[in-house]
């Protein structure tokens, strides 16, 4: 498995946050549209048995990574209580310094300008009356995510290049950028352009601690549970593409770890990714398409951390 860094430039607002598991689902549809159903079926073989062909991270501000969900006192950082609220706002760490001791890396945290959330009003016209009305024709408000002018976002992908080559991955990401990602893509949301796509290596050496870059369904046997810190996240997934028209668009909810979990592995060094593949015909998530899978794998950043005992 190889790790690649993809940088994208948003060309419009987004209706759905760029989360790794959601993006993976749309990438599967893009593979189907570009290379055919047989190729997608081949790529997903073994996905729920620990043999993923791809794991995708959330999109982060270019050059930055999220702060791990780790209590500061475990690193020996005693923060003045009066400064804790300000400290919690510094949630972004410079990616170039990921090899530093975690205590020193956290000292370089910054509070970047947040993505701007806006609300717009949408109307649906009743063609019999020529105006809005009640029920589905009532005006409604929807939220949008707006990135700043010239903003760039980094996405980390761990890929089995023997099954999906980098040019093929870049092609399907470009396809999504053209058609739009997430909600209301047909109205112009979710458009972006793919910039650089290059191999990436994390600076930290051998380590048993790691930071997750996407929602993750962990494999408990590989972890030291008392040294893992995270927040739970419940996903209420829905089908996209033509599967949204089946009359059964909703999937069963799944419980994962929120992005930026701090994981500690029992013995082995930190792998490129961690997690489990969810769904499939053995434990179906969808009544409409029983073979549906959900990304439970997350790319990892090895951390140079020494925890206070």
C-alpha atoms as a PDB file:
ATOM      1  CA  UNK A   1       0.000   0.000   0.000  1.00  0.00           C
ATOM      2  CA  UNK A   2       1.305   3.433  -0.974  1.00  0.00           C
ATOM      3  CA  UNK A   3       0.315   6.804   0.452  1.00  0.00           C
ATOM      4  CA  UNK A   4      -0.404   9.678  -1.937  1.00  0.00           C
ATOM      5  CA  UNK A   5      -1.221  13.306  -1.307  1.00  0.00           C
ATOM      6  CA  UNK A   6      -3.866  14.857  -3.570  1.00  0.00           C
ATOM      7  CA  UNK A   7      -4.426  18.609  -3.496  1.00  0.00           C
ATOM      8  CA  UNK A   8      -7.706  20.038  -4.778  1.00  0.00           C
ATOM      9  CA  UNK A   9      -8.932  23.596  -5.388  1.00  0.00           C
ATOM     10  CA  UNK A  10     -12.643  24.195  -4.648  1.00  0.00           C
ATOM     11  CA  UNK A  11     -14.511  25.939  -7.477  1.00  0.00           C
ATOM     12  CA  UNK A  12     -17.850  26.269  -5.672  1.00  0.00           C
ATOM     13  CA  UNK A  13     -19.508  25.948  -2.301  1.00  0.00           C
ATOM     14  CA  UNK A  14     -20.156  22.471  -0.883  1.00  0.00           C
ATOM     15  CA  UNK A  15     -23.389  21.020   0.412  1.00  0.00           C
ATOM     16  CA  UNK A  16     -21.667  18.087   2.159  1.00  0.00           C
ATOM     17  CA  UNK A  17     -18.437  18.163   4.195  1.00  0.00           C
ATOM     18  CA  UNK A  18     -15.511  16.423   2.492  1.00  0.00           C
ATOM     19  CA  UNK A  19     -15.336  13.394   4.793  1.00  0.00           C
ATOM     20  CA  UNK A  20     -13.187  10.402   3.881  1.00  0.00           C
ATOM     21  CA  UNK A  21     -15.887   7.719   4.098  1.00  0.00           C
ATOM     22  CA  UNK A  22     -18.371   9.787   2.086  1.00  0.00           C
ATOM     23  CA  UNK A  23     -15.729  10.563  -0.540  1.00  0.00           C
ATOM     24  CA  UNK A  24     -14.821   6.873  -0.762  1.00  0.00           C
ATOM     25  CA  UNK A  25     -18.433   6.007  -1.557  1.00  0.00           C
ATOM     26  CA  UNK A  26     -18.547   8.572  -4.338  1.00  0.00           C
ATOM     27  CA  UNK A  27     -15.203   7.338  -5.669  1.00  0.00           C
ATOM     28  CA  UNK A  28     -16.696   3.842  -5.947  1.00  0.00           C
ATOM     29  CA  UNK A  29     -19.513   5.255  -8.067  1.00  0.00           C
ATOM     30  CA  UNK A  30     -16.963   7.159 -10.163  1.00  0.00           C
ATOM     31  CA  UNK A  31     -15.010   3.925 -10.753  1.00  0.00           C
ATOM     32  CA  UNK A  32     -18.236   2.259 -11.867  1.00  0.00           C
ATOM     33  CA  UNK A  33     -19.038   5.080 -14.276  1.00  0.00           C
ATOM     34  CA  UNK A  34     -15.502   5.321 -15.686  1.00  0.00           C
ATOM     35  CA  UNK A  35     -14.325   1.674 -15.752  1.00  0.00           C
ATOM     36  CA  UNK A  36     -17.524  -0.397 -15.414  1.00  0.00           C
ATOM     37  CA  UNK A  37     -19.268  -2.518 -12.802  1.00  0.00           C
ATOM     38  CA  UNK A  38     -16.940  -5.502 -13.297  1.00  0.00           C
ATOM     39  CA  UNK A  39     -13.889  -3.398 -12.390  1.00  0.00           C
ATOM     40  CA  UNK A  40     -15.547  -2.050  -9.240  1.00  0.00           C
ATOM     41  CA  UNK A  41     -16.579  -5.572  -8.179  1.00  0.00           C
ATOM     42  CA  UNK A  42     -12.983  -6.727  -8.672  1.00  0.00           C
ATOM     43  CA  UNK A  43     -11.590  -3.833  -6.624  1.00  0.00           C
ATOM     44  CA  UNK A  44     -13.986  -4.524  -3.732  1.00  0.00           C
ATOM     45  CA  UNK A  45     -13.040  -8.206  -3.463  1.00  0.00           C
ATOM     46  CA  UNK A  46     -11.757  -8.815   0.041  1.00  0.00           C
ATOM     47  CA  UNK A  47     -12.700  -5.324   1.223  1.00  0.00           C
ATOM     48  CA  UNK A  48     -14.483  -6.603   4.339  1.00  0.00           C
ATOM     49  CA  UNK A  49     -11.741  -9.200   4.968  1.00  0.00           C
ATOM     50  CA  UNK A  50      -8.973  -6.677   5.543  1.00  0.00           C
ATOM     51  CA  UNK A  51      -7.842  -6.249   1.922  1.00  0.00           C
ATOM     52  CA  UNK A  52      -8.968  -2.732   0.897  1.00  0.00           C
ATOM     53  CA  UNK A  53      -7.830  -1.313  -2.418  1.00  0.00           C
ATOM     54  CA  UNK A  54      -8.149   2.274  -1.172  1.00  0.00           C
ATOM     55  CA  UNK A  55      -8.586   4.331   1.996  1.00  0.00           C
ATOM     56  CA  UNK A  56      -9.354   8.048   1.719  1.00  0.00           C
ATOM     57  CA  UNK A  57      -8.868  10.776   4.313  1.00  0.00           C
ATOM     58  CA  UNK A  58     -11.007  13.807   5.011  1.00  0.00           C
ATOM     59  CA  UNK A  59     -10.020  16.993   3.197  1.00  0.00           C
ATOM     60  CA  UNK A  60      -7.854  19.307   5.318  1.00  0.00           C
ATOM     61  CA  UNK A  61      -6.536  22.838   4.720  1.00  0.00           C
ATOM     62  CA  UNK A  62      -3.435  22.450   2.553  1.00  0.00           C
ATOM     63  CA  UNK A  63      -0.358  21.898   4.699  1.00  0.00           C
ATOM     64  CA  UNK A  64      -2.262  21.242   7.928  1.00  0.00           C
ATOM     65  CA  UNK A  65      -3.464  18.227   9.929  1.00  0.00           C
ATOM     66  CA  UNK A  66      -6.084  17.951  12.690  1.00  0.00           C
ATOM     67  CA  UNK A  67      -5.057  17.957  16.325  1.00  0.00           C
ATOM     68  CA  UNK A  68      -5.227  14.473  17.931  1.00  0.00           C
ATOM     69  CA  UNK A  69      -7.912  13.916  20.559  1.00  0.00           C
ATOM     70  CA  UNK A  70      -5.487  13.399  23.403  1.00  0.00           C
ATOM     71  CA  UNK A  71      -5.581  14.941  26.900  1.00  0.00           C
ATOM     72  CA  UNK A  72      -2.689  17.386  27.256  1.00  0.00           C
ATOM     73  CA  UNK A  73      -1.713  16.151  30.719  1.00  0.00           C
ATOM     74  CA  UNK A  74      -0.662  12.789  29.260  1.00  0.00           C
ATOM     75  CA  UNK A  75       2.144  14.629  27.468  1.00  0.00           C
ATOM     76  CA  UNK A  76       3.162  16.553  30.544  1.00  0.00           C
ATOM     77  CA  UNK A  77       1.686  19.786  29.186  1.00  0.00           C
ATOM     78  CA  UNK A  78       0.150  21.615  32.144  1.00  0.00           C
ATOM     79  CA  UNK A  79      -1.988  24.364  30.624  1.00  0.00           C
ATOM     80  CA  UNK A  80      -3.160  27.336  32.630  1.00  0.00           C
ATOM     81  CA  UNK A  81      -6.936  26.855  33.158  1.00  0.00           C
ATOM     82  CA  UNK A  82      -7.494  30.426  31.976  1.00  0.00           C
ATOM     83  CA  UNK A  83      -5.927  29.489  28.632  1.00  0.00           C
ATOM     84  CA  UNK A  84      -7.720  26.186  28.045  1.00  0.00           C
ATOM     85  CA  UNK A  85     -10.558  27.657  26.015  1.00  0.00           C
ATOM     86  CA  UNK A  86      -8.099  29.432  23.716  1.00  0.00           C
ATOM     87  CA  UNK A  87      -5.975  26.300  23.513  1.00  0.00           C
ATOM     88  CA  UNK A  88      -8.960  24.219  22.352  1.00  0.00           C
ATOM     89  CA  UNK A  89      -9.453  26.576  19.405  1.00  0.00           C
ATOM     90  CA  UNK A  90      -6.008  25.700  18.061  1.00  0.00           C
ATOM     91  CA  UNK A  91      -7.013  22.556  16.232  1.00  0.00           C
ATOM     92  CA  UNK A  92      -4.628  22.596  13.236  1.00  0.00           C
ATOM     93  CA  UNK A  93      -1.027  21.379  13.194  1.00  0.00           C
ATOM     94  CA  UNK A  94       1.567  22.010  10.433  1.00  0.00           C
ATOM     95  CA  UNK A  95       1.919  18.800   8.429  1.00  0.00           C
ATOM     96  CA  UNK A  96       5.608  19.442   7.707  1.00  0.00           C
ATOM     97  CA  UNK A  97       6.379  19.089  11.442  1.00  0.00           C
ATOM     98  CA  UNK A  98       4.609  15.755  11.947  1.00  0.00           C
ATOM     99  CA  UNK A  99       7.907  14.086  12.853  1.00  0.00           C
ATOM    100  CA  UNK A 100       8.493  16.266  15.914  1.00  0.00           C
ATOM    101  CA  UNK A 101       7.854  14.957  19.422  1.00  0.00           C
ATOM    102  CA  UNK A 102       4.115  15.289  19.898  1.00  0.00           C
ATOM    103  CA  UNK A 103       4.497  17.716  22.796  1.00  0.00           C
ATOM    104  CA  UNK A 104       6.559  20.081  20.606  1.00  0.00           C
ATOM    105  CA  UNK A 105       4.224  19.611  17.644  1.00  0.00           C
ATOM    106  CA  UNK A 106       1.182  20.598  19.699  1.00  0.00           C
ATOM    107  CA  UNK A 107       2.968  23.786  20.738  1.00  0.00           C
ATOM    108  CA  UNK A 108       2.816  24.849  17.061  1.00  0.00           C
ATOM    109  CA  UNK A 109      -0.960  24.429  16.774  1.00  0.00           C
ATOM    110  CA  UNK A 110      -2.903  27.255  15.128  1.00  0.00           C
ATOM    111  CA  UNK A 111      -6.549  28.297  14.829  1.00  0.00           C
ATOM    112  CA  UNK A 112      -7.032  28.744  11.093  1.00  0.00           C
ATOM    113  CA  UNK A 113      -9.944  30.700   9.592  1.00  0.00           C
ATOM    114  CA  UNK A 114     -12.873  28.304   9.697  1.00  0.00           C
ATOM    115  CA  UNK A 115     -14.883  27.245   6.679  1.00  0.00           C
ATOM    116  CA  UNK A 116     -17.680  29.770   6.375  1.00  0.00           C
ATOM    117  CA  UNK A 117     -21.164  28.331   6.832  1.00  0.00           C
ATOM    118  CA  UNK A 118     -23.954  30.117   5.006  1.00  0.00           C
ATOM    119  CA  UNK A 119     -27.682  29.504   4.702  1.00  0.00           C
ATOM    120  CA  UNK A 120     -29.686  30.062   1.527  1.00  0.00           C
ATOM    121  CA  UNK A 121     -33.417  29.814   0.864  1.00  0.00           C
ATOM    122  CA  UNK A 122     -34.613  27.443  -1.834  1.00  0.00           C
ATOM    123  CA  UNK A 123     -38.051  27.352  -3.473  1.00  0.00           C
ATOM    124  CA  UNK A 124     -39.904  24.774  -5.518  1.00  0.00           C
ATOM    125  CA  UNK A 125     -42.582  26.074  -7.834  1.00  0.00           C
ATOM    126  CA  UNK A 126     -45.922  24.258  -8.084  1.00  0.00           C
ATOM    127  CA  UNK A 127     -46.533  24.218 -11.847  1.00  0.00           C
ATOM    128  CA  UNK A 128     -50.316  24.089 -11.331  1.00  0.00           C
ATOM    129  CA  UNK A 129     -50.429  27.290  -9.285  1.00  0.00           C
ATOM    130  CA  UNK A 130     -47.272  28.990 -10.600  1.00  0.00           C
ATOM    131  CA  UNK A 131     -46.080  29.755  -7.065  1.00  0.00           C
ATOM    132  CA  UNK A 132     -44.789  28.165  -3.876  1.00  0.00           C
ATOM    133  CA  UNK A 133     -47.097  26.644  -1.290  1.00  0.00           C
ATOM    134  CA  UNK A 134     -47.087  24.124   1.527  1.00  0.00           C
ATOM    135  CA  UNK A 135     -45.513  20.704   1.962  1.00  0.00           C
ATOM    136  CA  UNK A 136     -42.793  20.065  -0.641  1.00  0.00           C
ATOM    137  CA  UNK A 137     -43.482  23.487  -2.190  1.00  0.00           C
ATOM    138  CA  UNK A 138     -42.781  25.407   1.017  1.00  0.00           C
ATOM    139  CA  UNK A 139     -39.633  27.596   0.981  1.00  0.00           C
ATOM    140  CA  UNK A 140     -36.825  25.932   2.908  1.00  0.00           C
ATOM    141  CA  UNK A 141     -33.379  26.893   4.127  1.00  0.00           C
ATOM    142  CA  UNK A 142     -30.291  24.805   3.368  1.00  0.00           C
ATOM    143  CA  UNK A 143     -26.716  25.203   4.555  1.00  0.00           C
ATOM    144  CA  UNK A 144     -23.596  25.563   2.425  1.00  0.00           C
ATOM    145  CA  UNK A 145     -19.871  25.341   3.151  1.00  0.00           C
ATOM    146  CA  UNK A 146     -17.760  28.055   1.588  1.00  0.00           C
ATOM    147  CA  UNK A 147     -13.977  27.920   1.302  1.00  0.00           C
ATOM    148  CA  UNK A 148     -11.989  31.105   0.857  1.00  0.00           C
ATOM    149  CA  UNK A 149     -10.896  32.375  -2.540  1.00  0.00           C
ATOM    150  CA  UNK A 150      -7.835  30.461  -3.704  1.00  0.00           C
ATOM    151  CA  UNK A 151      -8.150  27.861  -0.929  1.00  0.00           C
ATOM    152  CA  UNK A 152      -6.550  24.453  -1.372  1.00  0.00           C
ATOM    153  CA  UNK A 153      -7.387  21.192   0.398  1.00  0.00           C
ATOM    154  CA  UNK A 154      -5.229  18.121   0.995  1.00  0.00           C
ATOM    155  CA  UNK A 155      -6.577  14.563   0.735  1.00  0.00           C
ATOM    156  CA  UNK A 156      -4.406  11.591   1.747  1.00  0.00           C
ATOM    157  CA  UNK A 157      -5.058   8.314  -0.052  1.00  0.00           C
ATOM    158  CA  UNK A 158      -3.592   4.918   0.792  1.00  0.00           C
ATOM    159  CA  UNK A 159      -3.766   2.878  -2.409  1.00  0.00           C
ATOM    160  CA  UNK A 160      -2.963  -0.658  -3.498  1.00  0.00           C
ATOM    161  CA  UNK A 161      -1.322   0.414  -6.759  1.00  0.00           C
ATOM    162  CA  UNK A 162      -1.328  -3.155  -8.085  1.00  0.00           C
ATOM    163  CA  UNK A 163      -5.138  -2.884  -8.249  1.00  0.00           C
ATOM    164  CA  UNK A 164      -5.724   0.847  -8.820  1.00  0.00           C
ATOM    165  CA  UNK A 165      -2.924   2.884 -10.384  1.00  0.00           C
ATOM    166  CA  UNK A 166      -2.343   6.516  -9.425  1.00  0.00           C
ATOM    167  CA  UNK A 167      -3.408   7.864 -12.875  1.00  0.00           C
ATOM    168  CA  UNK A 168      -6.685   5.935 -12.538  1.00  0.00           C
ATOM    169  CA  UNK A 169      -7.260   7.344  -9.050  1.00  0.00           C
ATOM    170  CA  UNK A 170      -6.516  10.860 -10.298  1.00  0.00           C
ATOM    171  CA  UNK A 171      -8.979  10.336 -13.154  1.00  0.00           C
ATOM    172  CA  UNK A 172     -11.915   9.330 -10.952  1.00  0.00           C
ATOM    173  CA  UNK A 173     -11.183  12.176  -8.498  1.00  0.00           C
ATOM    174  CA  UNK A 174     -11.192  14.558 -11.471  1.00  0.00           C
ATOM    175  CA  UNK A 175     -14.512  13.078 -12.614  1.00  0.00           C
ATOM    176  CA  UNK A 176     -16.053  13.849  -9.208  1.00  0.00           C
ATOM    177  CA  UNK A 177     -14.699  17.387  -9.388  1.00  0.00           C
ATOM    178  CA  UNK A 178     -16.432  17.885 -12.737  1.00  0.00           C
ATOM    179  CA  UNK A 179     -19.809  16.434 -11.742  1.00  0.00           C
ATOM    180  CA  UNK A 180     -19.780  17.680  -8.146  1.00  0.00           C
ATOM    181  CA  UNK A 181     -19.389  16.113  -4.720  1.00  0.00           C
ATOM    182  CA  UNK A 182     -22.178  15.525  -2.241  1.00  0.00           C
ATOM    183  CA  UNK A 183     -25.563  17.157  -1.847  1.00  0.00           C
ATOM    184  CA  UNK A 184     -26.985  19.456  -4.548  1.00  0.00           C
ATOM    185  CA  UNK A 185     -24.177  18.727  -7.009  1.00  0.00           C
ATOM    186  CA  UNK A 186     -26.769  19.058  -9.796  1.00  0.00           C
ATOM    187  CA  UNK A 187     -27.291  22.694  -8.777  1.00  0.00           C
ATOM    188  CA  UNK A 188     -23.581  23.536  -9.014  1.00  0.00           C
ATOM    189  CA  UNK A 189     -22.274  22.630  -5.566  1.00  0.00           C
ATOM    190  CA  UNK A 190     -19.249  20.454  -4.817  1.00  0.00           C
ATOM    191  CA  UNK A 191     -17.145  21.376  -7.855  1.00  0.00           C
ATOM    192  CA  UNK A 192     -13.350  21.300  -7.608  1.00  0.00           C
ATOM    193  CA  UNK A 193     -10.196  20.800  -9.654  1.00  0.00           C
ATOM    194  CA  UNK A 194      -7.434  18.304  -8.905  1.00  0.00           C
ATOM    195  CA  UNK A 195      -4.007  19.901  -8.631  1.00  0.00           C
ATOM    196  CA  UNK A 196      -0.941  17.976  -7.497  1.00  0.00           C
ATOM    197  CA  UNK A 197      -1.000  14.203  -6.931  1.00  0.00           C
ATOM    198  CA  UNK A 198       2.254  12.861  -5.534  1.00  0.00           C
ATOM    199  CA  UNK A 199       3.697  10.138  -3.324  1.00  0.00           C
ATOM    200  CA  UNK A 200       3.881  11.041   0.351  1.00  0.00           C
ATOM    201  CA  UNK A 201       5.947   9.768   3.270  1.00  0.00           C
ATOM    202  CA  UNK A 202       5.456  10.718   6.901  1.00  0.00           C
ATOM    203  CA  UNK A 203       8.582  11.985   8.683  1.00  0.00           C
ATOM    204  CA  UNK A 204       8.133  10.056  11.950  1.00  0.00           C
ATOM    205  CA  UNK A 205      10.067   6.797  12.199  1.00  0.00           C
ATOM    206  CA  UNK A 206       8.938   3.621  13.901  1.00  0.00           C
ATOM    207  CA  UNK A 207       6.132   4.304  16.351  1.00  0.00           C
ATOM    208  CA  UNK A 208       3.227   2.594  18.073  1.00  0.00           C
ATOM    209  CA  UNK A 209       1.091   5.772  18.236  1.00  0.00           C
ATOM    210  CA  UNK A 210      -0.938   7.174  15.348  1.00  0.00           C
ATOM    211  CA  UNK A 211      -3.422   9.860  14.316  1.00  0.00           C
ATOM    212  CA  UNK A 212      -6.421   8.846  12.170  1.00  0.00           C
ATOM    213  CA  UNK A 213      -7.293  10.996   9.143  1.00  0.00           C
ATOM    214  CA  UNK A 214     -10.832   9.720   8.514  1.00  0.00           C
ATOM    215  CA  UNK A 215     -13.706   8.096  10.428  1.00  0.00           C
ATOM    216  CA  UNK A 216     -12.494   4.660  11.480  1.00  0.00           C
ATOM    217  CA  UNK A 217     -14.041   1.346  12.568  1.00  0.00           C
ATOM    218  CA  UNK A 218     -11.098   0.015  14.613  1.00  0.00           C
ATOM    219  CA  UNK A 219      -9.816  -3.531  14.892  1.00  0.00           C
ATOM    220  CA  UNK A 220      -9.673  -3.986  18.707  1.00  0.00           C
ATOM    221  CA  UNK A 221      -7.201  -6.874  18.671  1.00  0.00           C
ATOM    222  CA  UNK A 222      -4.494  -4.635  17.183  1.00  0.00           C
ATOM    223  CA  UNK A 223      -4.857  -1.801  19.720  1.00  0.00           C
ATOM    224  CA  UNK A 224      -3.965  -1.083  23.339  1.00  0.00           C
ATOM    225  CA  UNK A 225      -7.417   0.141  24.422  1.00  0.00           C
ATOM    226  CA  UNK A 226      -6.324   2.030  27.556  1.00  0.00           C
ATOM    227  CA  UNK A 227      -4.016   4.200  25.446  1.00  0.00           C
ATOM    228  CA  UNK A 228      -6.527   5.118  22.729  1.00  0.00           C
ATOM    229  CA  UNK A 229      -8.482   8.372  22.832  1.00  0.00           C
ATOM    230  CA  UNK A 230     -11.338   9.247  20.507  1.00  0.00           C
ATOM    231  CA  UNK A 231     -14.871  10.537  20.095  1.00  0.00           C
ATOM    232  CA  UNK A 232     -17.640   8.278  18.734  1.00  0.00           C
ATOM    233  CA  UNK A 233     -19.399   9.112  15.484  1.00  0.00           C
ATOM    234  CA  UNK A 234     -22.597   7.536  14.161  1.00  0.00           C
ATOM    235  CA  UNK A 235     -22.993   7.595  10.389  1.00  0.00           C
ATOM    236  CA  UNK A 236     -26.492   7.559   8.870  1.00  0.00           C
ATOM    237  CA  UNK A 237     -25.515   6.792   5.289  1.00  0.00           C
ATOM    238  CA  UNK A 238     -27.510   7.158   2.105  1.00  0.00           C
ATOM    239  CA  UNK A 239     -27.014   5.816  -1.383  1.00  0.00           C
ATOM    240  CA  UNK A 240     -25.967   8.097  -4.187  1.00  0.00           C
ATOM    241  CA  UNK A 241     -26.038   7.995  -7.980  1.00  0.00           C
ATOM    242  CA  UNK A 242     -28.780   5.798  -9.480  1.00  0.00           C
ATOM    243  CA  UNK A 243     -29.165   3.870  -6.198  1.00  0.00           C
ATOM    244  CA  UNK A 244     -30.781   6.972  -4.701  1.00  0.00           C
ATOM    245  CA  UNK A 245     -33.740   6.297  -7.024  1.00  0.00           C
ATOM    246  CA  UNK A 246     -34.473   2.768  -5.777  1.00  0.00           C
ATOM    247  CA  UNK A 247     -36.993   3.914  -3.174  1.00  0.00           C
ATOM    248  CA  UNK A 248     -34.675   2.568  -0.456  1.00  0.00           C
ATOM    249  CA  UNK A 249     -31.880   5.173  -0.315  1.00  0.00           C
ATOM    250  CA  UNK A 250     -31.051   4.829   3.395  1.00  0.00           C
ATOM    251  CA  UNK A 251     -28.416   2.496   4.824  1.00  0.00           C
ATOM    252  CA  UNK A 252     -28.198   1.065   8.311  1.00  0.00           C
ATOM    253  CA  UNK A 253     -26.307   3.353  10.723  1.00  0.00           C
ATOM    254  CA  UNK A 254     -22.701   2.497  11.583  1.00  0.00           C
ATOM    255  CA  UNK A 255     -20.655   3.496  14.643  1.00  0.00           C
ATOM    256  CA  UNK A 256     -17.105   4.729  14.018  1.00  0.00           C
ATOM    257  CA  UNK A 257     -14.364   6.796  15.643  1.00  0.00           C
ATOM    258  CA  UNK A 258     -14.390  10.451  14.672  1.00  0.00           C
ATOM    259  CA  UNK A 259     -11.469  11.743  12.587  1.00  0.00           C
ATOM    260  CA  UNK A 260      -8.302  12.652  14.569  1.00  0.00           C
ATOM    261  CA  UNK A 261      -8.518   9.756  17.022  1.00  0.00           C
ATOM    262  CA  UNK A 262      -5.308   8.907  18.883  1.00  0.00           C
ATOM    263  CA  UNK A 263      -4.546   5.178  18.557  1.00  0.00           C
ATOM    264  CA  UNK A 264      -1.886   3.078  20.234  1.00  0.00           C
ATOM    265  CA  UNK A 265      -0.934  -0.259  18.686  1.00  0.00           C
ATOM    266  CA  UNK A 266       0.015  -3.225  20.858  1.00  0.00           C
ATOM    267  CA  UNK A 267       3.316  -4.320  19.312  1.00  0.00           C
ATOM    268  CA  UNK A 268       3.662  -3.644  15.609  1.00  0.00           C
ATOM    269  CA  UNK A 269       4.769  -0.375  14.073  1.00  0.00           C
ATOM    270  CA  UNK A 270       2.073   1.917  12.745  1.00  0.00           C
ATOM    271  CA  UNK A 271       0.698   0.681   9.387  1.00  0.00           C
ATOM    272  CA  UNK A 272      -0.331   2.952   6.521  1.00  0.00           C
ATOM    273  CA  UNK A 273      -4.004   2.468   7.429  1.00  0.00           C
ATOM    274  CA  UNK A 274      -6.130   0.879  10.107  1.00  0.00           C
ATOM    275  CA  UNK A 275      -9.720  -0.260  10.481  1.00  0.00           C
ATOM    276  CA  UNK A 276     -12.222  -2.739   9.133  1.00  0.00           C
ATOM    277  CA  UNK A 277     -14.382  -2.847   6.039  1.00  0.00           C
ATOM    278  CA  UNK A 278     -18.054  -2.542   6.942  1.00  0.00           C
ATOM    279  CA  UNK A 279     -21.020  -4.061   5.145  1.00  0.00           C
ATOM    280  CA  UNK A 280     -20.901  -6.593   2.345  1.00  0.00           C
ATOM    281  CA  UNK A 281     -23.208  -9.548   1.879  1.00  0.00           C
ATOM    282  CA  UNK A 282     -22.296 -11.086   5.267  1.00  0.00           C
ATOM    283  CA  UNK A 283     -23.376  -8.022   7.260  1.00  0.00           C
ATOM    284  CA  UNK A 284     -25.410  -5.975   4.773  1.00  0.00           C
ATOM    285  CA  UNK A 285     -25.841  -2.257   5.344  1.00  0.00           C
ATOM    286  CA  UNK A 286     -28.357  -1.807   2.551  1.00  0.00           C
ATOM    287  CA  UNK A 287     -31.617  -3.509   1.657  1.00  0.00           C
ATOM    288  CA  UNK A 288     -31.435  -2.090  -1.867  1.00  0.00           C
ATOM    289  CA  UNK A 289     -27.874  -3.232  -2.662  1.00  0.00           C
ATOM    290  CA  UNK A 290     -26.757  -5.969  -0.204  1.00  0.00           C
ATOM    291  CA  UNK A 291     -23.141  -5.875  -1.451  1.00  0.00           C
ATOM    292  CA  UNK A 292     -22.755  -2.235  -0.346  1.00  0.00           C
ATOM    293  CA  UNK A 293     -19.649  -1.502   1.740  1.00  0.00           C
ATOM    294  CA  UNK A 294     -18.733   1.449   3.955  1.00  0.00           C
ATOM    295  CA  UNK A 295     -15.176   2.688   4.439  1.00  0.00           C
ATOM    296  CA  UNK A 296     -14.135   1.757   7.959  1.00  0.00           C
ATOM    297  CA  UNK A 297     -10.434   2.210   7.167  1.00  0.00           C
ATOM    298  CA  UNK A 298      -8.514   5.399   7.918  1.00  0.00           C
ATOM    299  CA  UNK A 299      -5.078   6.572   6.718  1.00  0.00           C
ATOM    300  CA  UNK A 300      -2.693   6.996   9.653  1.00  0.00           C
ATOM    301  CA  UNK A 301       0.000   9.485  10.658  1.00  0.00           C
ATOM    302  CA  UNK A 302       2.714   7.924  12.860  1.00  0.00           C
ATOM    303  CA  UNK A 303       3.273  10.065  15.972  1.00  0.00           C
ATOM    304  CA  UNK A 304       6.436  10.551  17.973  1.00  0.00           C
ATOM    305  CA  UNK A 305       4.742  10.501  21.368  1.00  0.00           C
ATOM    306  CA  UNK A 306       5.814   9.623  24.911  1.00  0.00           C
ATOM    307  CA  UNK A 307       2.843   9.430  27.255  1.00  0.00           C
ATOM    308  CA  UNK A 308       2.993  10.187  30.951  1.00  0.00           C
ATOM    309  CA  UNK A 309       2.365   7.014  32.945  1.00  0.00           C
END
